[in-house]
């Protein structure tokens, strides 16, 4: 299932812009969860291509699990390229275990192993900026305002993280006649529960940056019923990733 991706190819180094002039600014590392899906890593690499090109900086992908490179390997590549510091952007939508435990551990390990100074930005979140991204995705997929929408997210064992997705769905619903409901791939409510008995047309909008195995059953369901499935957000998120980068630099006074 394709995402919002450009035609440009990632660099041979690691998927980002690596011209010598970009070394004057801290590099950017987009740290994603990772997936075994064949297209998952590719979509994050493409997001870094777009981000690096539009921000005129060296932008690289890294993954917490299930894909390569991990953050330590990406940091080694940046040191080899002449960088002394980088901003890590956790490509996460909610404050759950990955954001509070996995990311800090990966950053501490990579900094200790490579000597690269690593700053960590805020996550992407579920605030107004992501609300705008989802609206753009809905518009790009041709989803009419009257059509009911299922906002599909990974889900978490942290109820607050799931509540943040429900709140995002409620805010999206507040400005359109069609319903917007949230469902999750790993916890209740599941998509099947929310859509049980539904005979009306439904569009599914993934709160994902890239394809993942959790999306495959949703893709089959929408294909069987003739429903619209928006692609993962992909490089639509590039301006927000750059905004998190600039915000992190502003806080530290390095901009």
Protein backbone atom coordinates (compact mmCIF):
# COMPACT_ATOMS: atom_id res chain seq x y z
CA UNK A 1 0.00 0.00 0.00
CA UNK A 2 1.71 3.17 -1.12
CA UNK A 3 2.04 6.24 1.05
CA UNK A 4 2.48 9.92 0.30
CA UNK A 5 5.96 9.50 -1.17
CA UNK A 6 8.07 11.44 -3.68
CA UNK A 7 9.81 9.96 -6.67
CA UNK A 8 13.29 10.94 -5.49
CA UNK A 9 15.71 8.27 -4.36
CA UNK A 10 17.40 8.23 -0.94
CA UNK A 11 21.14 8.71 -0.87
CA UNK A 12 23.40 5.69 -0.75
CA UNK A 13 24.49 6.64 2.76
CA UNK A 14 21.25 6.25 4.67
CA UNK A 15 18.33 7.88 2.95
CA UNK A 16 19.03 11.52 3.70
CA UNK A 17 20.62 14.63 2.24
CA UNK A 18 24.35 14.53 2.93
CA UNK A 19 25.95 17.33 0.94
CA UNK A 20 28.97 18.86 2.65
CA UNK A 21 27.21 22.18 3.17
CA UNK A 22 24.63 20.57 5.46
CA UNK A 23 27.29 19.77 8.08
CA UNK A 24 27.18 23.35 9.31
CA UNK A 25 23.81 22.60 10.93
CA UNK A 26 23.08 19.76 13.33
CA UNK A 27 21.88 16.70 11.48
CA UNK A 28 18.36 15.36 11.85
CA UNK A 29 17.54 11.76 12.68
CA UNK A 30 13.97 10.58 12.24
CA UNK A 31 13.63 7.79 14.79
CA UNK A 32 10.74 5.49 13.88
CA UNK A 33 9.47 2.36 15.58
CA UNK A 34 10.34 0.08 12.68
CA UNK A 35 8.37 -2.64 10.91
CA UNK A 36 8.86 -5.98 9.20
CA UNK A 37 6.69 -4.70 6.37
CA UNK A 38 8.63 -4.62 3.12
CA UNK A 39 7.72 -0.97 2.44
CA UNK A 40 7.91 0.30 6.01
CA UNK A 41 11.57 1.34 6.08
CA UNK A 42 11.39 2.69 2.56
CA UNK A 43 8.65 5.15 3.48
CA UNK A 44 10.65 6.54 6.42
CA UNK A 45 13.72 6.84 4.19
CA UNK A 46 11.66 8.81 1.69
CA UNK A 47 10.34 11.05 4.46
CA UNK A 48 13.94 11.84 5.38
CA UNK A 49 14.77 12.57 1.72
CA UNK A 50 12.01 15.16 1.55
CA UNK A 51 12.86 16.59 4.97
CA UNK A 52 16.56 16.88 4.19
CA UNK A 53 15.94 18.52 0.83
CA UNK A 54 13.40 21.05 2.08
CA UNK A 55 15.37 21.86 5.23
CA UNK A 56 18.79 21.90 3.54
CA UNK A 57 20.22 19.59 6.16
CA UNK A 58 21.47 16.06 6.60
CA UNK A 59 18.41 13.96 7.50
CA UNK A 60 18.74 10.25 8.24
CA UNK A 61 16.35 7.46 9.24
CA UNK A 62 16.80 5.21 12.28
CA UNK A 63 14.61 2.59 13.90
CA UNK A 64 13.93 1.41 17.43
CA UNK A 65 13.23 -2.18 16.39
CA UNK A 66 12.60 -4.56 13.50
CA UNK A 67 14.58 -2.57 10.91
CA UNK A 68 18.02 -1.11 10.28
CA UNK A 69 19.83 1.12 10.96
CA UNK A 70 19.27 1.51 14.67
CA UNK A 71 20.10 4.86 16.24
CA UNK A 72 23.66 3.88 17.14
CA UNK A 73 24.41 2.85 13.56
CA UNK A 74 22.87 6.07 12.22
CA UNK A 75 24.96 8.09 14.71
CA UNK A 76 28.13 6.32 13.54
CA UNK A 77 27.32 7.30 9.97
CA UNK A 78 26.84 10.93 10.99
CA UNK A 79 30.13 11.03 12.87
CA UNK A 80 31.85 9.57 9.82
CA UNK A 81 30.23 12.31 7.73
CA UNK A 82 31.74 14.96 10.00
CA UNK A 83 28.83 15.82 12.26
CA UNK A 84 29.29 16.63 15.95
CA UNK A 85 25.61 16.90 16.94
CA UNK A 86 22.18 15.85 15.74
CA UNK A 87 18.54 16.32 16.66
CA UNK A 88 16.57 13.11 17.13
CA UNK A 89 12.92 13.43 16.14
CA UNK A 90 10.85 10.59 17.65
CA UNK A 91 8.40 9.79 14.85
CA UNK A 92 5.68 8.88 17.32
CA UNK A 93 2.15 10.14 17.77
CA UNK A 94 1.52 9.34 21.44
CA UNK A 95 3.39 9.42 24.73
CA UNK A 96 3.65 5.73 25.51
CA UNK A 97 6.39 3.18 26.26
CA UNK A 98 8.38 3.85 23.10
CA UNK A 99 8.51 7.59 23.80
CA UNK A 100 9.21 7.36 27.52
CA UNK A 101 11.55 4.35 27.67
CA UNK A 102 12.79 3.11 24.29
CA UNK A 103 13.75 6.50 22.87
CA UNK A 104 15.74 7.73 25.91
CA UNK A 105 17.55 4.40 26.14
CA UNK A 106 18.43 4.41 22.45
CA UNK A 107 19.65 8.02 22.61
CA UNK A 108 21.82 7.40 25.68
CA UNK A 109 23.34 4.30 24.09
CA UNK A 110 24.05 5.99 20.75
CA UNK A 111 25.63 9.04 22.40
CA UNK A 112 27.85 6.87 24.60
CA UNK A 113 28.97 4.66 21.72
CA UNK A 114 29.70 7.42 19.21
CA UNK A 115 30.37 10.65 21.10
CA UNK A 116 27.76 12.39 18.95
CA UNK A 117 25.82 15.06 20.87
CA UNK A 118 22.16 14.12 20.54
CA UNK A 119 19.26 16.45 21.25
CA UNK A 120 15.77 14.98 21.45
CA UNK A 121 12.74 16.86 20.18
CA UNK A 122 9.11 16.48 21.15
CA UNK A 123 7.20 13.66 19.49
CA UNK A 124 4.88 14.44 16.58
CA UNK A 125 1.91 14.12 18.95
CA UNK A 126 -1.81 14.32 18.24
CA UNK A 127 -2.25 18.09 18.52
CA UNK A 128 -3.51 20.63 15.99
CA UNK A 129 -0.52 20.07 13.68
CA UNK A 130 -1.30 16.37 13.32
CA UNK A 131 -5.01 17.17 13.07
CA UNK A 132 -4.13 19.29 10.03
CA UNK A 133 -2.06 16.42 8.59
CA UNK A 134 -4.96 14.01 8.92
CA UNK A 135 -7.32 16.50 7.30
CA UNK A 136 -4.86 16.85 4.41
CA UNK A 137 -4.72 13.07 4.08
CA UNK A 138 -8.52 12.86 4.02
CA UNK A 139 -8.72 15.57 1.38
CA UNK A 140 -6.00 13.97 -0.74
CA UNK A 141 -7.81 10.63 -0.63
CA UNK A 142 -11.01 12.27 -1.85
CA UNK A 143 -12.96 11.52 1.33
CA UNK A 144 -16.19 13.51 1.36
CA UNK A 145 -17.16 15.39 4.50
CA UNK A 146 -20.33 13.31 4.77
CA UNK A 147 -18.45 10.00 4.79
CA UNK A 148 -17.88 8.29 8.12
CA UNK A 149 -14.20 7.92 8.93
CA UNK A 150 -12.32 5.35 10.98
CA UNK A 151 -9.09 6.80 12.37
CA UNK A 152 -6.86 3.74 12.72
CA UNK A 153 -3.87 3.83 15.06
CA UNK A 154 -1.48 1.26 16.49
CA UNK A 155 -2.76 1.51 20.06
CA UNK A 156 -1.00 1.25 23.39
CA UNK A 157 -1.23 -0.39 26.81
CA UNK A 158 -1.22 3.19 28.13
CA UNK A 159 -4.85 4.41 28.33
CA UNK A 160 -3.75 8.04 28.12
CA UNK A 161 -2.09 7.38 24.77
CA UNK A 162 -5.28 5.83 23.40
CA UNK A 163 -7.34 8.67 24.82
CA UNK A 164 -5.19 11.12 22.86
CA UNK A 165 -6.19 9.34 19.64
CA UNK A 166 -9.87 9.36 20.64
CA UNK A 167 -9.56 13.09 21.34
CA UNK A 168 -8.02 13.63 17.90
CA UNK A 169 -10.94 11.76 16.33
CA UNK A 170 -13.40 13.92 18.28
CA UNK A 171 -11.74 17.12 17.10
CA UNK A 172 -11.82 15.93 13.50
CA UNK A 173 -15.51 15.04 13.86
CA UNK A 174 -16.39 18.44 15.30
CA UNK A 175 -15.95 20.22 11.96
CA UNK A 176 -17.60 17.77 9.55
CA UNK A 177 -21.03 16.13 9.23
CA UNK A 178 -19.59 12.62 8.89
CA UNK A 179 -18.60 10.70 12.02
CA UNK A 180 -14.96 10.10 12.96
CA UNK A 181 -14.24 7.20 15.29
CA UNK A 182 -10.94 5.78 16.50
CA UNK A 183 -9.88 2.13 16.45
CA UNK A 184 -6.60 0.38 17.16
CA UNK A 185 -4.52 -2.47 15.83
CA UNK A 186 -3.29 -3.79 19.19
CA UNK A 187 -5.99 -2.93 21.73
CA UNK A 188 -9.69 -2.21 22.06
CA UNK A 189 -11.64 -0.93 20.37
CA UNK A 190 -10.52 -2.89 17.32
CA UNK A 191 -11.58 -1.90 13.83
CA UNK A 192 -13.89 -4.91 13.56
CA UNK A 193 -15.68 -3.89 16.77
CA UNK A 194 -16.21 -0.30 15.67
CA UNK A 195 -17.35 -1.29 12.19
CA UNK A 196 -19.48 -4.28 13.20
CA UNK A 197 -22.79 -4.18 11.38
CA UNK A 198 -21.93 -0.99 9.54
CA UNK A 199 -23.62 -0.79 6.17
CA UNK A 200 -22.75 2.81 5.40
CA UNK A 201 -19.68 3.77 3.34
CA UNK A 202 -16.64 4.16 5.56
CA UNK A 203 -13.24 5.63 4.84
CA UNK A 204 -10.23 4.48 6.86
CA UNK A 205 -7.47 6.95 7.63
CA UNK A 206 -4.32 5.43 9.17
CA UNK A 207 -2.49 7.38 11.85
CA UNK A 208 0.69 5.83 10.46
CA UNK A 209 3.70 7.38 8.73
CA UNK A 210 4.49 4.24 6.75
CA UNK A 211 2.98 0.92 5.72
CA UNK A 212 2.92 -1.72 8.45
CA UNK A 213 1.70 -5.25 8.99
CA UNK A 214 -1.18 -3.96 11.14
CA UNK A 215 -2.53 -2.15 8.09
CA UNK A 216 -2.69 -5.21 5.84
CA UNK A 217 -5.97 -6.60 7.30
CA UNK A 218 -7.49 -3.12 7.06
CA UNK A 219 -6.45 -2.92 3.42
CA UNK A 220 -8.15 -6.26 2.71
CA UNK A 221 -11.32 -5.18 4.54
CA UNK A 222 -11.63 -1.89 2.67
CA UNK A 223 -10.96 -3.60 -0.65
CA UNK A 224 -13.67 -6.21 0.03
CA UNK A 225 -16.26 -3.57 0.93
CA UNK A 226 -15.28 -0.99 -1.64
CA UNK A 227 -14.36 1.56 1.02
CA UNK A 228 -11.70 4.24 0.73
CA UNK A 229 -8.37 3.66 2.45
CA UNK A 230 -6.14 6.71 2.70
CA UNK A 231 -2.41 6.03 2.46
CA UNK A 232 -0.08 6.46 5.44
CA UNK A 233 0.83 10.08 6.09
CA UNK A 234 4.37 9.63 4.72
CA UNK A 235 6.11 12.77 3.53
CA UNK A 236 3.04 14.91 4.34
CA UNK A 237 4.66 14.96 7.79
CA UNK A 238 7.90 16.53 6.55
CA UNK A 239 7.00 20.14 7.52
CA UNK A 240 6.06 18.97 11.03
CA UNK A 241 9.31 17.01 11.37
CA UNK A 242 11.23 20.15 10.41
CA UNK A 243 9.19 22.18 12.89
CA UNK A 244 10.13 19.79 15.70
CA UNK A 245 13.78 20.09 14.63
CA UNK A 246 13.71 23.89 14.74
CA UNK A 247 11.85 23.89 18.07
CA UNK A 248 14.49 21.64 19.62
CA UNK A 249 17.29 23.90 18.38
CA UNK A 250 15.51 27.00 19.66
CA UNK A 251 15.19 25.53 23.15
CA UNK A 252 18.93 24.81 23.29
CA UNK A 253 19.98 28.05 21.61
CA UNK A 254 21.79 26.22 18.79
CA UNK A 255 19.69 27.53 15.92
